[in-house]
Amino acid sequence: MANEKNKDDDLGLRSIELYYIPIKNREYDSIVDYRAQLRINDPQLGVLLPEEYLPVAQRSLQAYKLTMSAFETVMEDITKFRHRDAFFEWISVYVPERVLTEKNFVADLEEMAANKQFNLSDLCIEVSQNVFYEDVAVIVDELRNMNIKVLIIDFGGPFCPITRICSLKCDYVIMDEVYSDWITSDNNSEKEMALSVFEMIKSQNIQAITAGIKTTEQLKLIPESCVLFTGKLVGRPKKASGIR
């Protein structure tokens, strides 16, 4: 059963659950990383996925509480996974800009890890493309100096200033799902655009993760430099009990 913690808050929440989205390496033909997906069980609305509750939650005071709760559960789960000898490099947790720029965020995360005797190198922090509009370079550098990976999600999507990737150091980007479609498009302009963005990411020594891969045809057409991918072809999100 997925980890569940009772939370009373302004959103009317009763519980949260964590699922883990697998990321596969096509060279090894194995799952090498996971993305934590926080689902909320609302007594009136049912199960809410991140895209349904985040627009409201990340603008409220609940953002910090939800994020730190997710980190706490992920740390506990990773410890269990390591005891099972489960193979993966890291598990990522989404951090809204409001939380990332919170004065005590880095210190609170470090203290939580110390109290749990947790290795921070097992963590990756997800941030949205909105960080390109925030003054977060120092915070990102601080996290990376703690051996925490940094991942930008939905990279290259609408309104994403892709050239700013050159000025913000990160370890990974998850491509907007449109690139999975463009890479197999009959439209040469779309295909060339997708390939040029992949090449730009490679030039910055950043690993691209292709999202939304549904078919082996799409996978075959991804540039060789992009070995990580996620989507229906990899598999459904897993509960903690399913990671071995």
Foldseek 3Di string as FASTA:
>chain_A
DFDWDQDDDPVQFGIKGWWWFFKAFQVVRGTAETEIWIWTQHPVPGIDGCVGCVVPCLVDPCLQVVQVVVLLSVQVLVVVLVVVVFHYFAYEGEHEPVLLPPPCNVVVSVVSCVVVVGQQLRYEYEYELCCLVPPRQVSQVVSVVSNHFYEYEQAPDPPRPNVSCLVHDGAEYEHRQVLLVLLPDPPVVSNVVSVVSCVVCVVSNHAYEYEADDDVVSVVSPDPSHRMYGHPVVHDIGGSVPGD
